[in-house]
Amino acid sequence: MKQCPFCAEQIQRAAVVCRHCGRTVQAPATILWAEVAAGFGAFCFVGALLYAGMGGAPFAGNASAFLAPAAASGSPAAAAPEPPPPPPPLVLTVLDDSALSLPPGEHFDTAFAVSDPRPCTFRARMQGVEGGSRDVEVYLLDEDGNSNWHSGIKPAALYESGRTSASTIEVPLHEKGRFHLLVSNRYSLMTAKTVRVENARVVCE
C-alpha cells in the first residue's frame, strides 16, 4: 500500500489512478518507456550534430556513417607509375671489316656525324697487313683538326697513333658534331700499304 500524493488516501502500489480523488498517481509503463526512448533519441541526435561540427562524418542515420572514415583510412595507396625504360644504345657503324689500300704518299679519310645527347664513344681496331713495315698513322679528328691536317699543320687530334702496324682505339666523344677517321701513308713516298679496319663504330648509351 502507498498514499496518494494528492489526497493522502491509501492506494494500491500498482494503481495508476487514485480511486478517491481520481488523479493519476503513476504513469503507465508504456508512457515511461516512450519518454526514455525519446530522451535517448534526442541525446543521439545532439551527439551527431556535435560530431559533424568538429569535422567528423555527417550523420546519415546509422552507424555506417561514423565508420566510413576509419574504413577509408585503411585503404592502400595507389601504386606510383613505373618510369619508362631507357632507349636502346645507338650504334653508328663507320667502317666494318674493311681493307684500305693506301698508295705511297696517300691517305684515307671518312667523316661521320654524332648528334645523340647521351655519352658516346668511338671504337675501332686497325691492323697493317701488307707493304713494307705495314705501318701507318691513324687519327681521329674534329672538323678543325681535319682542316689543319690537310693544310700541313699538326692537328690537335682526339686520337693520334703515330707510326704503327696495329692500333686499338677507344675515344670518348665529349662534344657532338662532325668527326673524321683518317688513316695516312703520306710519309711513305715509295711503299704502298694495306690496312684492315675492324668494327669502327660509335656507341651512344
N, C-alpha and C. Protein backbone atom coordinates (compact mmCIF):
# COMPACT_ATOMS: atom_id res chain seq x y z
N MET A 1 0.85 -1.20 0.00
CA MET A 1 0.00 0.00 0.00
C MET A 1 0.89 1.25 0.00
N LYS A 2 0.33 2.36 -0.55
CA LYS A 2 1.02 3.65 -0.51
C LYS A 2 -0.03 4.74 -0.47
N GLN A 3 0.39 5.96 -0.22
CA GLN A 3 -0.54 7.08 -0.14
C GLN A 3 -0.58 7.83 -1.45
N CYS A 4 -1.78 8.35 -1.76
CA CYS A 4 -1.93 9.22 -2.94
C CYS A 4 -1.26 10.54 -2.62
N PRO A 5 -0.39 11.08 -3.49
CA PRO A 5 0.28 12.35 -3.21
C PRO A 5 -0.66 13.55 -3.24
N PHE A 6 -1.92 13.35 -3.66
CA PHE A 6 -2.84 14.48 -3.75
C PHE A 6 -3.86 14.51 -2.62
N CYS A 7 -4.41 13.27 -2.24
CA CYS A 7 -5.45 13.26 -1.20
C CYS A 7 -5.03 12.47 0.04
N ALA A 8 -3.83 11.87 0.03
CA ALA A 8 -3.26 11.13 1.17
C ALA A 8 -4.04 9.88 1.51
N GLU A 9 -4.91 9.42 0.64
CA GLU A 9 -5.62 8.19 0.88
C GLU A 9 -4.75 7.00 0.51
N GLN A 10 -5.01 5.86 1.16
CA GLN A 10 -4.27 4.65 0.87
C GLN A 10 -4.71 4.10 -0.50
N ILE A 11 -3.70 3.77 -1.31
CA ILE A 11 -4.00 3.20 -2.62
C ILE A 11 -3.07 2.02 -2.84
N GLN A 12 -3.42 1.18 -3.80
CA GLN A 12 -2.57 0.06 -4.18
C GLN A 12 -1.29 0.57 -4.87
N ARG A 13 -0.16 -0.16 -4.66
CA ARG A 13 1.12 0.26 -5.26
C ARG A 13 1.04 0.23 -6.79
N ALA A 14 0.27 -0.71 -7.30
CA ALA A 14 0.22 -0.84 -8.75
C ALA A 14 -0.81 0.07 -9.39
N ALA A 15 -1.60 0.84 -8.50
CA ALA A 15 -2.66 1.70 -9.03
C ALA A 15 -2.07 2.83 -9.83
N VAL A 16 -2.74 3.19 -10.91
CA VAL A 16 -2.33 4.31 -11.75
C VAL A 16 -3.17 5.53 -11.42
N VAL A 17 -4.48 5.33 -11.08
CA VAL A 17 -5.40 6.43 -10.78
C VAL A 17 -5.95 6.22 -9.35
N CYS A 18 -5.90 7.30 -8.56
CA CYS A 18 -6.45 7.22 -7.18
C CYS A 18 -7.97 7.10 -7.23
N ARG A 19 -8.54 6.11 -6.49
CA ARG A 19 -9.97 5.89 -6.51
C ARG A 19 -10.73 6.98 -5.76
N HIS A 20 -10.01 7.70 -4.88
CA HIS A 20 -10.69 8.69 -4.04
C HIS A 20 -10.74 10.05 -4.73
N CYS A 21 -9.61 10.50 -5.31
CA CYS A 21 -9.60 11.85 -5.94
C CYS A 21 -9.59 11.79 -7.45
N GLY A 22 -9.39 10.60 -8.00
CA GLY A 22 -9.43 10.45 -9.45
C GLY A 22 -8.20 10.98 -10.19
N ARG A 23 -7.14 11.31 -9.46
CA ARG A 23 -5.94 11.84 -10.13
C ARG A 23 -4.94 10.71 -10.45
N THR A 24 -4.13 10.95 -11.49
CA THR A 24 -3.12 9.96 -11.90
C THR A 24 -1.94 10.04 -10.94
N VAL A 25 -1.63 8.93 -10.33
CA VAL A 25 -0.54 8.89 -9.36
C VAL A 25 0.67 8.14 -9.89
N GLN A 26 0.59 7.41 -11.03
CA GLN A 26 1.73 6.65 -11.59
C GLN A 26 1.54 6.52 -13.09
N ALA A 27 2.57 6.89 -13.85
CA ALA A 27 2.47 6.82 -15.32
C ALA A 27 2.52 5.38 -15.76
N PRO A 28 1.75 5.02 -16.77
CA PRO A 28 1.81 3.65 -17.28
C PRO A 28 3.21 3.33 -17.79
N ALA A 29 3.55 2.06 -17.74
CA ALA A 29 4.90 1.63 -18.17
C ALA A 29 5.17 2.01 -19.60
N THR A 30 4.12 1.96 -20.45
CA THR A 30 4.35 2.31 -21.87
C THR A 30 4.71 3.76 -22.02
N ILE A 31 4.12 4.63 -21.20
CA ILE A 31 4.45 6.06 -21.26
C ILE A 31 5.87 6.29 -20.80
N LEU A 32 6.27 5.60 -19.73
CA LEU A 32 7.64 5.77 -19.22
C LEU A 32 8.66 5.33 -20.27
N TRP A 33 8.44 4.19 -20.90
CA TRP A 33 9.40 3.71 -21.92
C TRP A 33 9.44 4.65 -23.12
N ALA A 34 8.29 5.24 -23.48
CA ALA A 34 8.27 6.19 -24.59
C ALA A 34 9.10 7.41 -24.26
N GLU A 35 9.00 7.87 -23.00
CA GLU A 35 9.80 9.03 -22.60
C GLU A 35 11.29 8.69 -22.61
N VAL A 36 11.62 7.48 -22.13
CA VAL A 36 13.03 7.07 -22.14
C VAL A 36 13.56 7.00 -23.56
N ALA A 37 12.78 6.42 -24.47
CA ALA A 37 13.21 6.31 -25.86
C ALA A 37 13.37 7.67 -26.50
N ALA A 38 12.43 8.60 -26.21
CA ALA A 38 12.52 9.94 -26.77
C ALA A 38 13.76 10.65 -26.27
N GLY A 39 14.05 10.49 -24.99
CA GLY A 39 15.25 11.12 -24.44
C GLY A 39 16.53 10.57 -25.06
N PHE A 40 16.59 9.27 -25.24
CA PHE A 40 17.78 8.66 -25.85
C PHE A 40 17.98 9.11 -27.31
N GLY A 41 16.82 9.21 -28.04
CA GLY A 41 16.92 9.67 -29.43
C GLY A 41 17.42 11.10 -29.50
N ALA A 42 16.94 11.96 -28.60
CA ALA A 42 17.41 13.34 -28.59
C ALA A 42 18.90 13.41 -28.27
N PHE A 43 19.37 12.57 -27.35
CA PHE A 43 20.79 12.53 -26.99
C PHE A 43 21.66 12.14 -28.20
N CYS A 44 21.22 11.11 -28.94
CA CYS A 44 21.98 10.67 -30.12
C CYS A 44 22.01 11.75 -31.19
N PHE A 45 20.89 12.45 -31.38
CA PHE A 45 20.83 13.49 -32.42
C PHE A 45 21.79 14.64 -32.09
N VAL A 46 21.80 15.07 -30.83
CA VAL A 46 22.71 16.16 -30.41
C VAL A 46 24.16 15.70 -30.56
N GLY A 47 24.45 14.44 -30.19
CA GLY A 47 25.82 13.94 -30.33
C GLY A 47 26.27 13.92 -31.78
N ALA A 48 25.36 13.54 -32.69
CA ALA A 48 25.72 13.52 -34.12
C ALA A 48 26.00 14.92 -34.63
N LEU A 49 25.21 15.91 -34.20
CA LEU A 49 25.45 17.30 -34.63
C LEU A 49 26.81 17.79 -34.14
N LEU A 50 27.15 17.49 -32.91
CA LEU A 50 28.46 17.90 -32.38
C LEU A 50 29.59 17.23 -33.13
N TYR A 51 29.43 15.95 -33.45
CA TYR A 51 30.48 15.22 -34.19
C TYR A 51 30.71 15.81 -35.58
N ALA A 52 29.60 16.15 -36.26
CA ALA A 52 29.73 16.75 -37.60
C ALA A 52 30.36 18.13 -37.50
N GLY A 53 30.03 18.90 -36.46
CA GLY A 53 30.60 20.24 -36.30
C GLY A 53 32.09 20.22 -36.03
N MET A 54 32.62 19.13 -35.48
CA MET A 54 34.06 19.01 -35.21
C MET A 54 34.81 18.40 -36.37
N GLY A 55 34.20 18.29 -37.54
CA GLY A 55 34.92 17.76 -38.70
C GLY A 55 34.68 16.30 -38.95
N GLY A 56 33.78 15.66 -38.22
CA GLY A 56 33.52 14.25 -38.42
C GLY A 56 32.62 14.03 -39.61
N ALA A 57 32.26 12.80 -39.86
CA ALA A 57 31.40 12.47 -40.98
C ALA A 57 30.00 12.96 -40.70
N PRO A 58 29.25 13.48 -41.68
CA PRO A 58 27.87 13.90 -41.46
C PRO A 58 27.01 12.72 -41.05
N PHE A 59 26.01 13.02 -40.20
CA PHE A 59 25.14 11.97 -39.67
C PHE A 59 24.24 11.42 -40.76
N ALA A 60 24.26 10.13 -40.95
CA ALA A 60 23.47 9.50 -42.01
C ALA A 60 22.36 8.62 -41.46
N GLY A 61 22.15 8.67 -40.17
CA GLY A 61 21.04 7.92 -39.60
C GLY A 61 21.40 6.51 -39.19
N ASN A 62 22.64 6.07 -39.41
CA ASN A 62 23.05 4.75 -38.96
C ASN A 62 24.53 4.76 -38.65
N ALA A 63 25.01 3.66 -38.05
CA ALA A 63 26.40 3.61 -37.59
C ALA A 63 27.40 3.60 -38.72
N SER A 64 27.02 3.24 -39.94
CA SER A 64 27.99 3.15 -41.05
C SER A 64 28.58 4.51 -41.38
N ALA A 65 27.83 5.62 -41.11
CA ALA A 65 28.36 6.95 -41.39
C ALA A 65 29.56 7.25 -40.51
N PHE A 66 29.53 6.77 -39.27
CA PHE A 66 30.64 7.02 -38.35
C PHE A 66 31.82 6.10 -38.64
N LEU A 67 31.57 4.94 -39.23
CA LEU A 67 32.65 4.01 -39.51
C LEU A 67 33.31 4.26 -40.85
N ALA A 68 32.70 5.06 -41.73
CA ALA A 68 33.24 5.28 -43.08
C ALA A 68 34.63 5.88 -43.07
N PRO A 69 34.94 6.93 -42.24
CA PRO A 69 36.30 7.47 -42.28
C PRO A 69 37.35 6.45 -41.91
N ALA A 70 37.07 5.62 -40.90
CA ALA A 70 38.06 4.63 -40.48
C ALA A 70 38.31 3.61 -41.58
N ALA A 71 37.24 3.22 -42.29
CA ALA A 71 37.42 2.25 -43.37
C ALA A 71 38.22 2.85 -44.51
N ALA A 72 37.97 4.15 -44.81
CA ALA A 72 38.70 4.79 -45.91
C ALA A 72 40.17 4.95 -45.58
N SER A 73 40.47 5.23 -44.29
CA SER A 73 41.87 5.45 -43.93
C SER A 73 42.71 4.19 -44.08
N GLY A 74 42.09 3.03 -44.08
CA GLY A 74 42.85 1.79 -44.19
C GLY A 74 43.04 1.31 -45.61
N SER A 75 42.51 2.03 -46.61
CA SER A 75 42.65 1.59 -47.99
C SER A 75 44.07 1.81 -48.47
N PRO A 76 44.65 0.90 -49.28
CA PRO A 76 46.03 1.06 -49.75
C PRO A 76 46.16 2.21 -50.72
N ALA A 77 47.33 2.89 -50.71
CA ALA A 77 47.59 3.98 -51.62
C ALA A 77 47.79 3.46 -53.04
N ALA A 78 47.43 4.29 -54.00
CA ALA A 78 47.61 3.90 -55.41
C ALA A 78 49.10 3.77 -55.72
N ALA A 79 49.46 2.73 -56.45
CA ALA A 79 50.87 2.49 -56.80
C ALA A 79 51.36 3.55 -57.79
N ALA A 80 52.61 4.04 -57.57
CA ALA A 80 53.20 5.04 -58.46
C ALA A 80 53.50 4.39 -59.82
N PRO A 81 53.29 5.14 -60.92
CA PRO A 81 53.58 4.56 -62.25
C PRO A 81 55.06 4.29 -62.42
N GLU A 82 55.39 3.22 -63.10
CA GLU A 82 56.78 2.86 -63.34
C GLU A 82 57.38 3.77 -64.40
N PRO A 83 58.66 4.18 -64.22
CA PRO A 83 59.29 5.03 -65.24
C PRO A 83 59.47 4.27 -66.55
N PRO A 84 59.44 4.98 -67.67
CA PRO A 84 59.63 4.29 -68.95
C PRO A 84 61.04 3.73 -69.07
N PRO A 85 61.23 2.63 -69.78
CA PRO A 85 62.57 2.06 -69.93
C PRO A 85 63.46 2.99 -70.74
N PRO A 86 64.77 2.97 -70.49
CA PRO A 86 65.68 3.83 -71.26
C PRO A 86 65.74 3.39 -72.71
N PRO A 87 66.02 4.33 -73.62
CA PRO A 87 66.11 3.94 -75.04
C PRO A 87 67.31 3.03 -75.27
N PRO A 88 67.26 2.19 -76.28
CA PRO A 88 68.39 1.29 -76.55
C PRO A 88 69.61 2.09 -76.99
N PRO A 89 70.83 1.52 -76.84
CA PRO A 89 72.04 2.21 -77.29
C PRO A 89 71.98 2.50 -78.79
N LEU A 90 72.57 3.64 -79.16
CA LEU A 90 72.72 3.97 -80.57
C LEU A 90 74.07 3.48 -81.05
N VAL A 91 74.10 2.71 -82.13
CA VAL A 91 75.34 2.20 -82.70
C VAL A 91 75.45 2.72 -84.13
N LEU A 92 76.48 3.51 -84.39
CA LEU A 92 76.72 4.07 -85.72
C LEU A 92 77.98 3.42 -86.28
N THR A 93 77.81 2.63 -87.34
CA THR A 93 78.95 1.95 -87.95
C THR A 93 79.64 2.88 -88.93
N VAL A 94 80.96 3.08 -88.72
CA VAL A 94 81.76 3.93 -89.61
C VAL A 94 82.43 3.06 -90.67
N LEU A 95 83.14 2.02 -90.26
CA LEU A 95 83.72 1.02 -91.17
C LEU A 95 83.62 -0.33 -90.49
N ASP A 96 83.38 -1.37 -91.26
CA ASP A 96 83.23 -2.70 -90.66
C ASP A 96 84.00 -3.72 -91.51
N ASP A 97 85.14 -4.17 -90.98
CA ASP A 97 85.95 -5.20 -91.65
C ASP A 97 86.28 -4.79 -93.08
N SER A 98 86.96 -3.62 -93.18
CA SER A 98 87.30 -3.07 -94.50
C SER A 98 88.81 -3.09 -94.70
N ALA A 99 89.24 -3.42 -95.89
CA ALA A 99 90.66 -3.39 -96.25
C ALA A 99 90.92 -2.11 -97.04
N LEU A 100 91.82 -1.24 -96.52
CA LEU A 100 92.14 0.03 -97.15
C LEU A 100 93.48 -0.09 -97.88
N SER A 101 93.49 0.24 -99.16
CA SER A 101 94.73 0.26 -99.94
C SER A 101 95.23 1.70 -100.02
N LEU A 102 96.42 1.95 -99.51
CA LEU A 102 96.98 3.30 -99.45
C LEU A 102 98.23 3.38 -100.31
N PRO A 103 98.16 4.04 -101.48
CA PRO A 103 99.35 4.23 -102.32
C PRO A 103 100.39 5.09 -101.58
N PRO A 104 101.61 5.13 -102.05
CA PRO A 104 102.62 5.98 -101.42
C PRO A 104 102.16 7.44 -101.37
N GLY A 105 102.36 8.06 -100.20
CA GLY A 105 102.02 9.47 -100.01
C GLY A 105 100.53 9.76 -99.93
N GLU A 106 99.66 8.75 -99.88
CA GLU A 106 98.21 8.97 -99.86
C GLU A 106 97.62 8.68 -98.48
N HIS A 107 96.35 8.96 -98.36
CA HIS A 107 95.66 8.74 -97.08
C HIS A 107 94.19 8.36 -97.37
N PHE A 108 93.54 7.87 -96.34
CA PHE A 108 92.10 7.57 -96.40
C PHE A 108 91.42 8.41 -95.33
N ASP A 109 90.29 9.03 -95.68
CA ASP A 109 89.57 9.91 -94.75
C ASP A 109 88.08 9.64 -94.89
N THR A 110 87.41 9.29 -93.79
CA THR A 110 85.97 9.14 -93.80
C THR A 110 85.37 9.96 -92.66
N ALA A 111 84.26 10.62 -92.93
CA ALA A 111 83.63 11.51 -91.96
C ALA A 111 82.35 10.87 -91.42
N PHE A 112 81.99 11.24 -90.19
CA PHE A 112 80.72 10.80 -89.58
C PHE A 112 80.26 11.87 -88.61
N ALA A 113 78.96 11.93 -88.39
CA ALA A 113 78.37 12.95 -87.51
C ALA A 113 77.71 12.28 -86.32
N VAL A 114 77.81 12.92 -85.17
CA VAL A 114 77.21 12.42 -83.92
C VAL A 114 76.32 13.53 -83.36
N SER A 115 75.04 13.20 -83.11
CA SER A 115 74.10 14.18 -82.55
C SER A 115 73.35 13.65 -81.33
N ASP A 116 73.56 12.40 -80.97
CA ASP A 116 72.86 11.82 -79.82
C ASP A 116 73.30 12.55 -78.55
N PRO A 117 72.34 12.94 -77.66
CA PRO A 117 72.72 13.69 -76.45
C PRO A 117 73.40 12.85 -75.38
N ARG A 118 73.36 11.53 -75.49
CA ARG A 118 73.98 10.67 -74.48
C ARG A 118 75.49 10.60 -74.67
N PRO A 119 76.23 10.15 -73.64
CA PRO A 119 77.68 9.98 -73.81
C PRO A 119 77.98 8.97 -74.92
N CYS A 120 78.93 9.33 -75.79
CA CYS A 120 79.27 8.49 -76.95
C CYS A 120 80.76 8.16 -76.92
N THR A 121 81.10 7.02 -77.51
CA THR A 121 82.49 6.56 -77.59
C THR A 121 82.75 6.00 -78.98
N PHE A 122 83.92 6.41 -79.55
CA PHE A 122 84.35 5.84 -80.82
C PHE A 122 85.31 4.70 -80.54
N ARG A 123 85.09 3.55 -81.20
CA ARG A 123 85.95 2.38 -81.04
C ARG A 123 86.32 1.83 -82.42
N ALA A 124 87.54 1.32 -82.52
CA ALA A 124 87.98 0.70 -83.78
C ALA A 124 89.25 -0.11 -83.53
N ARG A 125 89.53 -1.01 -84.48
CA ARG A 125 90.76 -1.81 -84.44
C ARG A 125 91.41 -1.73 -85.82
N MET A 126 92.70 -1.32 -85.88
CA MET A 126 93.45 -1.19 -87.13
C MET A 126 94.60 -2.21 -87.13
N GLN A 127 94.83 -2.84 -88.30
CA GLN A 127 95.91 -3.81 -88.43
C GLN A 127 96.52 -3.70 -89.83
N GLY A 128 97.84 -3.38 -89.90
CA GLY A 128 98.53 -3.38 -91.18
C GLY A 128 98.74 -4.80 -91.66
N VAL A 129 98.43 -5.06 -92.94
CA VAL A 129 98.52 -6.43 -93.45
C VAL A 129 99.52 -6.57 -94.60
N GLU A 130 99.84 -5.49 -95.30
CA GLU A 130 100.79 -5.57 -96.42
C GLU A 130 101.55 -4.25 -96.57
N GLY A 131 102.77 -4.37 -97.14
CA GLY A 131 103.52 -3.19 -97.53
C GLY A 131 104.56 -2.78 -96.51
N GLY A 132 105.84 -2.99 -96.87
CA GLY A 132 106.94 -2.53 -96.02
C GLY A 132 106.80 -3.04 -94.60
N SER A 133 106.87 -2.13 -93.67
CA SER A 133 106.69 -2.49 -92.24
C SER A 133 105.22 -2.54 -91.85
N ARG A 134 104.33 -2.35 -92.86
CA ARG A 134 102.87 -2.37 -92.65
C ARG A 134 102.42 -1.29 -91.66
N ASP A 135 103.21 -0.22 -91.55
CA ASP A 135 102.90 0.83 -90.60
C ASP A 135 102.19 2.00 -91.29
N VAL A 136 101.26 2.60 -90.54
CA VAL A 136 100.53 3.78 -91.00
C VAL A 136 100.33 4.70 -89.81
N GLU A 137 99.74 5.87 -90.04
CA GLU A 137 99.35 6.79 -88.97
C GLU A 137 97.83 6.87 -88.94
N VAL A 138 97.26 6.78 -87.75
CA VAL A 138 95.80 6.80 -87.59
C VAL A 138 95.44 8.01 -86.73
N TYR A 139 94.42 8.76 -87.19
CA TYR A 139 93.96 9.94 -86.47
C TYR A 139 92.43 9.88 -86.32
N LEU A 140 91.97 10.43 -85.19
CA LEU A 140 90.55 10.77 -85.03
C LEU A 140 90.51 12.28 -84.81
N LEU A 141 89.84 12.99 -85.70
CA LEU A 141 89.90 14.45 -85.73
C LEU A 141 88.50 15.06 -85.75
N ASP A 142 88.38 16.26 -85.16
CA ASP A 142 87.16 17.03 -85.39
C ASP A 142 87.34 17.85 -86.67
N GLU A 143 86.39 18.71 -86.98
CA GLU A 143 86.45 19.45 -88.24
C GLU A 143 87.68 20.36 -88.31
N ASP A 144 87.99 21.04 -87.20
CA ASP A 144 89.16 21.92 -87.20
C ASP A 144 90.45 21.12 -87.36
N GLY A 145 90.55 19.99 -86.65
CA GLY A 145 91.74 19.17 -86.75
C GLY A 145 91.93 18.62 -88.15
N ASN A 146 90.84 18.21 -88.79
CA ASN A 146 90.92 17.69 -90.15
C ASN A 146 91.38 18.77 -91.13
N SER A 147 90.86 19.99 -90.95
CA SER A 147 91.27 21.09 -91.82
C SER A 147 92.75 21.39 -91.65
N ASN A 148 93.24 21.40 -90.41
CA ASN A 148 94.67 21.66 -90.18
C ASN A 148 95.54 20.56 -90.79
N TRP A 149 95.12 19.32 -90.65
CA TRP A 149 95.93 18.21 -91.18
C TRP A 149 96.08 18.35 -92.70
N HIS A 150 95.00 18.65 -93.38
CA HIS A 150 95.06 18.78 -94.83
C HIS A 150 95.84 20.04 -95.26
N SER A 151 96.01 20.98 -94.37
CA SER A 151 96.81 22.18 -94.67
C SER A 151 98.28 21.99 -94.31
N GLY A 152 98.64 20.81 -93.84
CA GLY A 152 100.03 20.55 -93.46
C GLY A 152 100.38 21.03 -92.07
N ILE A 153 99.37 21.37 -91.25
CA ILE A 153 99.60 21.83 -89.88
C ILE A 153 99.28 20.70 -88.92
N LYS A 154 100.14 20.50 -87.94
CA LYS A 154 99.90 19.41 -86.98
C LYS A 154 98.60 19.68 -86.25
N PRO A 155 97.65 18.75 -86.29
CA PRO A 155 96.33 18.99 -85.68
C PRO A 155 96.33 18.67 -84.18
N ALA A 156 95.36 19.25 -83.48
CA ALA A 156 95.06 18.84 -82.11
C ALA A 156 94.08 17.68 -82.21
N ALA A 157 94.62 16.46 -82.28
CA ALA A 157 93.80 15.28 -82.57
C ALA A 157 93.12 14.74 -81.32
N LEU A 158 91.93 14.18 -81.52
CA LEU A 158 91.29 13.45 -80.43
C LEU A 158 92.01 12.13 -80.18
N TYR A 159 92.61 11.58 -81.24
CA TYR A 159 93.44 10.39 -81.12
C TYR A 159 94.49 10.44 -82.23
N GLU A 160 95.73 10.08 -81.88
CA GLU A 160 96.82 10.01 -82.85
C GLU A 160 97.70 8.83 -82.48
N SER A 161 97.88 7.89 -83.41
CA SER A 161 98.59 6.65 -83.11
C SER A 161 100.10 6.77 -83.27
N GLY A 162 100.56 7.73 -84.09
CA GLY A 162 101.95 7.67 -84.52
C GLY A 162 102.10 6.54 -85.54
N ARG A 163 103.31 6.28 -85.98
CA ARG A 163 103.52 5.20 -86.96
C ARG A 163 103.38 3.85 -86.26
N THR A 164 102.42 3.06 -86.72
CA THR A 164 102.13 1.79 -86.05
C THR A 164 101.56 0.80 -87.05
N SER A 165 101.80 -0.46 -86.79
CA SER A 165 101.21 -1.52 -87.64
C SER A 165 99.95 -2.11 -87.00
N ALA A 166 99.62 -1.72 -85.77
CA ALA A 166 98.40 -2.18 -85.10
C ALA A 166 97.97 -1.12 -84.11
N SER A 167 96.69 -0.88 -84.05
CA SER A 167 96.18 0.17 -83.17
C SER A 167 94.76 -0.16 -82.74
N THR A 168 94.50 -0.05 -81.45
CA THR A 168 93.14 -0.19 -80.90
C THR A 168 92.71 1.16 -80.36
N ILE A 169 91.56 1.64 -80.82
CA ILE A 169 91.10 2.98 -80.48
C ILE A 169 89.84 2.88 -79.61
N GLU A 170 89.81 3.67 -78.57
CA GLU A 170 88.60 3.85 -77.75
C GLU A 170 88.65 5.27 -77.21
N VAL A 171 87.86 6.16 -77.80
CA VAL A 171 87.94 7.59 -77.51
C VAL A 171 86.55 8.11 -77.15
N PRO A 172 86.36 8.69 -75.94
CA PRO A 172 85.08 9.34 -75.62
C PRO A 172 84.91 10.60 -76.48
N LEU A 173 83.69 10.79 -76.95
CA LEU A 173 83.36 11.99 -77.72
C LEU A 173 82.58 12.93 -76.80
N HIS A 174 83.27 13.91 -76.26
CA HIS A 174 82.66 14.79 -75.26
C HIS A 174 81.75 15.85 -75.88
N GLU A 175 81.88 16.07 -77.17
CA GLU A 175 81.03 17.05 -77.85
C GLU A 175 80.37 16.39 -79.07
N LYS A 176 79.23 16.93 -79.44
CA LYS A 176 78.55 16.44 -80.63
C LYS A 176 79.06 17.22 -81.85
N GLY A 177 78.97 16.60 -83.02
CA GLY A 177 79.42 17.28 -84.22
C GLY A 177 79.89 16.31 -85.28
N ARG A 178 80.75 16.80 -86.16
CA ARG A 178 81.26 16.02 -87.28
C ARG A 178 82.71 15.64 -87.00
N PHE A 179 83.05 14.38 -87.24
CA PHE A 179 84.39 13.86 -86.94
C PHE A 179 84.94 13.13 -88.17
N HIS A 180 86.27 12.89 -88.14
CA HIS A 180 86.95 12.24 -89.25
C HIS A 180 87.86 11.13 -88.72
N LEU A 181 87.74 9.95 -89.32
CA LEU A 181 88.71 8.89 -89.12
C LEU A 181 89.67 8.94 -90.31
N LEU A 182 90.95 9.18 -90.03
CA LEU A 182 91.94 9.38 -91.10
C LEU A 182 93.08 8.39 -90.92
N VAL A 183 93.39 7.64 -91.97
CA VAL A 183 94.50 6.68 -91.98
C VAL A 183 95.48 7.15 -93.06
N SER A 184 96.71 7.42 -92.62
CA SER A 184 97.64 8.10 -93.52
C SER A 184 98.88 7.24 -93.82
N ASN A 185 99.26 7.26 -95.13
CA ASN A 185 100.53 6.72 -95.59
C ASN A 185 101.34 7.84 -96.28
N ARG A 186 101.05 9.06 -95.85
CA ARG A 186 101.63 10.24 -96.51
C ARG A 186 103.15 10.29 -96.39
N TYR A 187 103.67 9.84 -95.28
CA TYR A 187 105.12 9.94 -95.07
C TYR A 187 105.90 8.92 -95.91
N SER A 188 105.21 7.87 -96.41
CA SER A 188 105.90 6.86 -97.22
C SER A 188 105.83 7.26 -98.69
N LEU A 189 106.98 7.56 -99.31
CA LEU A 189 106.99 8.05 -100.69
C LEU A 189 107.15 6.93 -101.71
N MET A 190 107.43 5.71 -101.27
CA MET A 190 107.69 4.65 -102.24
C MET A 190 106.87 3.38 -102.00
N THR A 191 106.35 3.19 -100.79
CA THR A 191 105.74 1.90 -100.45
C THR A 191 104.24 2.05 -100.22
N ALA A 192 103.48 1.24 -100.92
CA ALA A 192 102.03 1.19 -100.68
C ALA A 192 101.74 0.32 -99.45
N LYS A 193 100.62 0.59 -98.81
CA LYS A 193 100.25 -0.17 -97.59
C LYS A 193 98.81 -0.64 -97.73
N THR A 194 98.54 -1.74 -97.08
CA THR A 194 97.16 -2.22 -96.95
C THR A 194 96.84 -2.38 -95.46
N VAL A 195 95.75 -1.79 -95.06
CA VAL A 195 95.35 -1.78 -93.64
C VAL A 195 93.93 -2.31 -93.52
N ARG A 196 93.72 -3.19 -92.56
CA ARG A 196 92.36 -3.70 -92.29
C ARG A 196 91.78 -2.95 -91.09
N VAL A 197 90.58 -2.45 -91.28
CA VAL A 197 89.84 -1.73 -90.22
C VAL A 197 88.70 -2.62 -89.77
N GLU A 198 88.62 -2.87 -88.46
CA GLU A 198 87.58 -3.74 -87.91
C GLU A 198 86.75 -2.99 -86.89
N ASN A 199 85.42 -3.12 -87.05
CA ASN A 199 84.45 -2.61 -86.05
C ASN A 199 84.69 -1.15 -85.69
N ALA A 200 84.88 -0.30 -86.69
CA ALA A 200 84.96 1.15 -86.43
C ALA A 200 83.53 1.66 -86.28
N ARG A 201 83.17 2.04 -85.05
CA ARG A 201 81.80 2.45 -84.79
C ARG A 201 81.71 3.39 -83.60
N VAL A 202 80.60 4.11 -83.55
CA VAL A 202 80.29 4.99 -82.42
C VAL A 202 79.14 4.35 -81.65
N VAL A 203 79.28 4.31 -80.31
CA VAL A 203 78.23 3.76 -79.45
C VAL A 203 77.82 4.85 -78.46
N CYS A 204 76.53 5.17 -78.44
CA CYS A 204 75.98 6.17 -77.50
C CYS A 204 74.97 5.46 -76.59
N GLU A 205 75.16 5.60 -75.27
CA GLU A 205 74.26 4.92 -74.31
C GLU A 205 74.28 5.63 -72.97
